[in-house]
């Protein structure tokens, strides 16, 4: 993305997107860790739970977009892969503790695994572009990466990997058309097929609406992205470590309360 001049440098920086994503993710996980238990005791808090989870839907599309941005601009892609892989392993126990109160759970893996696979899909697109090859060759590779996410049962699964890849393949599309596929990707993140599998159950209709509509603000924020990294006085590793650290803290707090 072309750097903007000082006079034109308006909008949202990459640092802003990271902070917004972090806040939305935290709100979402607070809802997951605490509000559901409160609902069982007081149904009047039903709306609170959905408000918290609705806010949280903005987080993943922003992280997906930043993975795509990182795949373009990273000067050390091996280190990028290594960091995502390392924190995927480190985050697994906190993820399991918050999810079901156990140390190990092979039935689901944390979102870092999804981001790792998504980075791989974007990197394939980057290599194809750098070598003047048709990016359509990335389709079979991405299909394998999506299958890996499905088999591993990563958070946001294959449709999360697909969304990250869609940001990469639409990079050079005209402005009026480049948002079409990401919107479809956001719709897939809402898992619309579950509505059909469960005979249009309102529970799954509501879940789809919550996920899809709650994700749309992320597209507005991405549209306002100015292509600049941004300057914030926070160490870059903070954003990696925050995910397992805040999950562990939420588990400890929920255990005490």
Protein backbone atom coordinates (compact mmCIF):
# COMPACT_ATOMS: atom_id res chain seq x y z
CA UNK A 1 0.00 0.00 0.00
CA UNK A 2 1.38 3.42 -0.97
CA UNK A 3 2.53 5.55 1.94
CA UNK A 4 0.54 8.73 2.40
CA UNK A 5 2.03 12.19 2.59
CA UNK A 6 1.97 14.10 5.87
CA UNK A 7 -0.97 16.20 4.63
CA UNK A 8 -2.90 13.11 3.58
CA UNK A 9 -1.92 10.90 6.50
CA UNK A 10 -5.32 10.67 8.10
CA UNK A 11 -7.30 7.69 9.25
CA UNK A 12 -6.36 4.70 11.37
CA UNK A 13 -2.84 3.29 11.72
CA UNK A 14 -1.88 -0.32 12.18
CA UNK A 15 -1.20 0.40 15.86
CA UNK A 16 -4.76 1.70 16.25
CA UNK A 17 -6.15 -1.46 14.65
CA UNK A 18 -4.13 -3.66 17.00
CA UNK A 19 -5.34 -1.79 20.09
CA UNK A 20 -8.98 -1.83 18.96
CA UNK A 21 -8.73 -5.56 18.19
CA UNK A 22 -7.16 -6.21 21.59
CA UNK A 23 -9.91 -4.32 23.43
CA UNK A 24 -12.70 -6.03 21.49
CA UNK A 25 -11.14 -9.44 22.08
CA UNK A 26 -10.86 -8.77 25.79
CA UNK A 27 -14.49 -7.69 26.03
CA UNK A 28 -15.54 -10.82 24.16
CA UNK A 29 -13.55 -13.12 26.44
CA UNK A 30 -14.92 -11.42 29.55
CA UNK A 31 -18.37 -12.21 28.24
CA UNK A 32 -17.37 -15.81 27.60
CA UNK A 33 -15.62 -16.30 30.94
CA UNK A 34 -18.12 -14.59 33.25
CA UNK A 35 -21.43 -13.64 31.65
CA UNK A 36 -22.60 -17.17 30.81
CA UNK A 37 -22.32 -18.23 34.46
CA UNK A 38 -24.21 -15.10 35.46
CA UNK A 39 -26.94 -15.92 32.96
CA UNK A 40 -27.58 -19.21 34.66
CA UNK A 41 -28.20 -17.33 37.89
CA UNK A 42 -29.96 -14.27 36.49
CA UNK A 43 -31.63 -14.33 33.07
CA UNK A 44 -32.02 -10.54 33.12
CA UNK A 45 -28.33 -10.41 32.21
CA UNK A 46 -29.05 -12.18 28.92
CA UNK A 47 -28.67 -8.93 26.99
CA UNK A 48 -25.34 -8.15 28.66
CA UNK A 49 -23.85 -11.40 27.44
CA UNK A 50 -24.84 -10.70 23.84
CA UNK A 51 -23.62 -7.10 23.99
CA UNK A 52 -20.19 -8.27 25.15
CA UNK A 53 -20.00 -11.00 22.51
CA UNK A 54 -21.28 -8.61 19.81
CA UNK A 55 -18.46 -6.17 20.56
CA UNK A 56 -16.02 -9.04 20.44
CA UNK A 57 -16.96 -10.00 16.89
CA UNK A 58 -14.91 -7.07 15.58
CA UNK A 59 -11.65 -8.54 16.84
CA UNK A 60 -10.94 -11.49 14.56
CA UNK A 61 -11.41 -9.69 11.20
CA UNK A 62 -8.97 -7.03 12.41
CA UNK A 63 -6.41 -9.65 13.43
CA UNK A 64 -6.97 -11.42 10.11
CA UNK A 65 -6.27 -8.20 8.23
CA UNK A 66 -3.15 -7.45 10.26
CA UNK A 67 -1.81 -10.94 9.54
CA UNK A 68 -2.25 -10.19 5.84
CA UNK A 69 -0.49 -6.83 6.30
CA UNK A 70 2.32 -8.53 8.18
CA UNK A 71 2.76 -11.07 5.39
CA UNK A 72 3.41 -8.20 2.96
CA UNK A 73 5.73 -6.06 5.04
CA UNK A 74 7.59 -8.47 7.31
CA UNK A 75 11.34 -8.30 6.69
CA UNK A 76 11.85 -11.60 8.51
CA UNK A 77 8.97 -13.88 7.62
CA UNK A 78 10.64 -16.88 9.29
CA UNK A 79 10.67 -15.00 12.60
CA UNK A 80 7.01 -14.07 12.08
CA UNK A 81 6.09 -17.73 11.61
CA UNK A 82 8.22 -18.69 14.60
CA UNK A 83 6.52 -16.17 16.89
CA UNK A 84 3.02 -17.24 15.85
CA UNK A 85 3.93 -20.91 16.27
CA UNK A 86 5.57 -20.31 19.65
CA UNK A 87 2.62 -18.39 21.06
CA UNK A 88 0.20 -20.94 19.61
CA UNK A 89 1.86 -23.53 21.83
CA UNK A 90 2.16 -21.20 24.84
CA UNK A 91 -1.51 -20.16 24.57
CA UNK A 92 -2.96 -23.64 24.41
CA UNK A 93 -3.18 -24.30 28.15
CA UNK A 94 -4.77 -20.91 29.01
CA UNK A 95 -7.15 -21.41 26.07
CA UNK A 96 -8.20 -24.82 27.38
CA UNK A 97 -8.60 -23.57 30.94
CA UNK A 98 -10.93 -20.77 29.92
CA UNK A 99 -12.77 -22.93 27.41
CA UNK A 100 -13.57 -25.97 29.53
CA UNK A 101 -11.50 -25.81 32.71
CA UNK A 102 -9.02 -28.52 31.65
CA UNK A 103 -5.31 -28.38 30.93
CA UNK A 104 -5.55 -30.36 27.70
CA UNK A 105 -8.28 -30.53 25.08
CA UNK A 106 -7.50 -31.95 21.65
CA UNK A 107 -11.00 -31.13 20.39
CA UNK A 108 -10.17 -27.42 19.89
CA UNK A 109 -7.05 -25.30 19.44
CA UNK A 110 -6.48 -21.59 20.03
CA UNK A 111 -6.67 -18.86 17.40
CA UNK A 112 -2.90 -18.55 17.00
CA UNK A 113 -2.98 -21.79 15.00
CA UNK A 114 -5.53 -20.21 12.66
CA UNK A 115 -3.41 -17.08 12.29
CA UNK A 116 -0.32 -19.22 11.58
CA UNK A 117 -2.11 -21.09 8.79
CA UNK A 118 -3.54 -17.83 7.46
CA UNK A 119 -0.06 -16.32 7.34
CA UNK A 120 1.10 -19.32 5.32
CA UNK A 121 -1.73 -18.75 2.82
CA UNK A 122 -0.83 -15.06 2.48
CA UNK A 123 2.85 -15.83 2.11
CA UNK A 124 2.09 -18.13 -0.82
CA UNK A 125 0.21 -15.27 -2.50
CA UNK A 126 3.16 -12.95 -1.80
CA UNK A 127 5.65 -15.39 -3.38
CA UNK A 128 3.46 -15.84 -6.45
CA UNK A 129 3.18 -12.08 -6.94
CA UNK A 130 6.92 -11.53 -6.46
CA UNK A 131 7.61 -14.13 -9.14
CA UNK A 132 4.91 -12.88 -11.53
CA UNK A 133 2.90 -16.07 -11.20
CA UNK A 134 -0.88 -16.42 -11.27
CA UNK A 135 -2.20 -16.18 -7.70
CA UNK A 136 -4.76 -18.85 -8.62
CA UNK A 137 -1.97 -21.31 -7.79
CA UNK A 138 -2.52 -20.35 -4.15
CA UNK A 139 -5.98 -21.93 -4.19
CA UNK A 140 -4.93 -25.60 -3.76
CA UNK A 141 -2.39 -24.65 -1.09
CA UNK A 142 -4.97 -22.60 0.79
CA UNK A 143 -7.43 -25.47 0.50
CA UNK A 144 -4.89 -27.72 2.25
CA UNK A 145 -4.31 -25.08 4.93
CA UNK A 146 -8.07 -24.73 5.46
CA UNK A 147 -8.35 -28.52 5.73
CA UNK A 148 -5.59 -28.46 8.35
CA UNK A 149 -7.50 -25.89 10.39
CA UNK A 150 -10.65 -28.02 10.12
CA UNK A 151 -8.84 -31.19 11.22
CA UNK A 152 -7.10 -29.43 14.10
CA UNK A 153 -10.38 -27.69 15.04
CA UNK A 154 -8.66 -24.35 15.46
CA UNK A 155 -10.60 -21.35 16.71
CA UNK A 156 -12.37 -19.85 13.66
CA UNK A 157 -11.39 -23.01 11.79
CA UNK A 158 -11.08 -23.12 7.99
CA UNK A 159 -13.25 -20.08 7.42
CA UNK A 160 -10.83 -17.98 9.49
CA UNK A 161 -7.91 -19.08 7.30
CA UNK A 162 -10.02 -18.39 4.21
CA UNK A 163 -10.83 -14.85 5.38
CA UNK A 164 -7.13 -14.06 5.85
CA UNK A 165 -6.37 -15.39 2.36
CA UNK A 166 -9.21 -13.33 0.87
CA UNK A 167 -7.62 -10.14 2.15
CA UNK A 168 -4.46 -11.12 0.28
CA UNK A 169 -6.01 -12.12 -3.05
CA UNK A 170 -8.18 -8.99 -3.28
CA UNK A 171 -5.28 -6.61 -2.60
CA UNK A 172 -5.04 -5.38 -6.20
CA UNK A 173 -8.76 -5.39 -6.93
CA UNK A 174 -10.44 -2.06 -7.81
CA UNK A 175 -11.62 -0.14 -4.75
CA UNK A 176 -15.30 -0.64 -5.60
CA UNK A 177 -14.92 -4.42 -5.79
CA UNK A 178 -12.18 -5.40 -3.34
CA UNK A 179 -14.55 -5.65 -0.35
CA UNK A 180 -16.85 -8.22 -1.97
CA UNK A 181 -14.92 -11.36 -1.07
CA UNK A 182 -14.02 -10.26 2.49
CA UNK A 183 -17.73 -9.62 3.13
CA UNK A 184 -18.43 -13.16 1.92
CA UNK A 185 -15.63 -14.31 4.23
CA UNK A 186 -17.25 -12.56 7.18
CA UNK A 187 -20.53 -14.27 6.32
CA UNK A 188 -18.76 -17.64 6.37
CA UNK A 189 -17.27 -16.82 9.78
CA UNK A 190 -20.89 -16.72 10.97
CA UNK A 191 -21.29 -20.38 9.90
CA UNK A 192 -24.57 -19.98 7.94
CA UNK A 193 -24.67 -23.70 7.09
CA UNK A 194 -25.53 -24.43 10.72
CA UNK A 195 -28.88 -22.75 10.12
CA UNK A 196 -29.67 -25.33 7.44
CA UNK A 197 -28.30 -28.23 9.47
CA UNK A 198 -30.55 -27.32 12.40
CA UNK A 199 -33.76 -26.61 10.46
CA UNK A 200 -33.50 -22.82 10.67
CA UNK A 201 -33.33 -22.89 14.47
CA UNK A 202 -33.55 -19.35 15.82
CA UNK A 203 -30.55 -20.06 18.02
CA UNK A 204 -28.35 -20.52 14.96
CA UNK A 205 -30.01 -17.65 13.10
CA UNK A 206 -29.23 -15.38 16.05
CA UNK A 207 -25.68 -16.70 16.27
CA UNK A 208 -25.13 -15.97 12.57
CA UNK A 209 -26.54 -12.45 12.87
CA UNK A 210 -24.44 -11.82 15.99
CA UNK A 211 -21.26 -12.98 14.26
CA UNK A 212 -21.81 -11.38 10.86
CA UNK A 213 -23.28 -8.01 11.87
CA UNK A 214 -20.86 -7.72 14.76
CA UNK A 215 -17.95 -8.24 12.35
CA UNK A 216 -18.98 -5.49 9.91
CA UNK A 217 -17.50 -2.59 11.94
CA UNK A 218 -14.12 -4.19 11.31
CA UNK A 219 -14.49 -3.53 7.59
CA UNK A 220 -15.16 0.16 8.26
CA UNK A 221 -12.06 0.34 10.45
CA UNK A 222 -9.98 -1.44 7.80
CA UNK A 223 -11.33 0.93 5.16
CA UNK A 224 -10.05 3.82 7.29
CA UNK A 225 -6.60 2.21 7.58
CA UNK A 226 -3.99 4.60 6.18
CA UNK A 227 -1.22 2.08 5.53
CA UNK A 228 1.01 3.41 8.32
CA UNK A 229 2.39 1.28 11.15
CA UNK A 230 1.82 4.01 13.73
CA UNK A 231 3.87 4.86 16.77
CA UNK A 232 2.86 3.55 20.18
CA UNK A 233 5.06 3.13 23.23
CA UNK A 234 4.23 -0.53 23.70
CA UNK A 235 6.71 -3.32 23.01
CA UNK A 236 5.70 -5.34 19.98
CA UNK A 237 5.85 -8.60 21.93
CA UNK A 238 3.18 -7.28 24.27
CA UNK A 239 0.55 -7.95 21.62
CA UNK A 240 1.74 -11.55 21.24
CA UNK A 241 1.93 -12.23 24.97
CA UNK A 242 -1.33 -10.50 25.84
CA UNK A 243 -3.49 -13.32 24.45
CA UNK A 244 -2.28 -16.15 26.73
CA UNK A 245 -1.72 -13.78 29.65
CA UNK A 246 -5.23 -12.34 29.68
CA UNK A 247 -6.79 -15.79 29.20
CA UNK A 248 -4.90 -17.08 32.21
CA UNK A 249 -5.94 -14.04 34.26
CA UNK A 250 -9.60 -14.50 33.28
CA UNK A 251 -9.44 -18.14 34.32
CA UNK A 252 -7.94 -17.26 37.70
CA UNK A 253 -10.52 -14.53 38.29
CA UNK A 254 -13.42 -16.77 37.28
CA UNK A 255 -12.12 -19.48 39.62
CA UNK A 256 -11.98 -17.03 42.53
CA UNK A 257 -15.35 -15.41 41.84
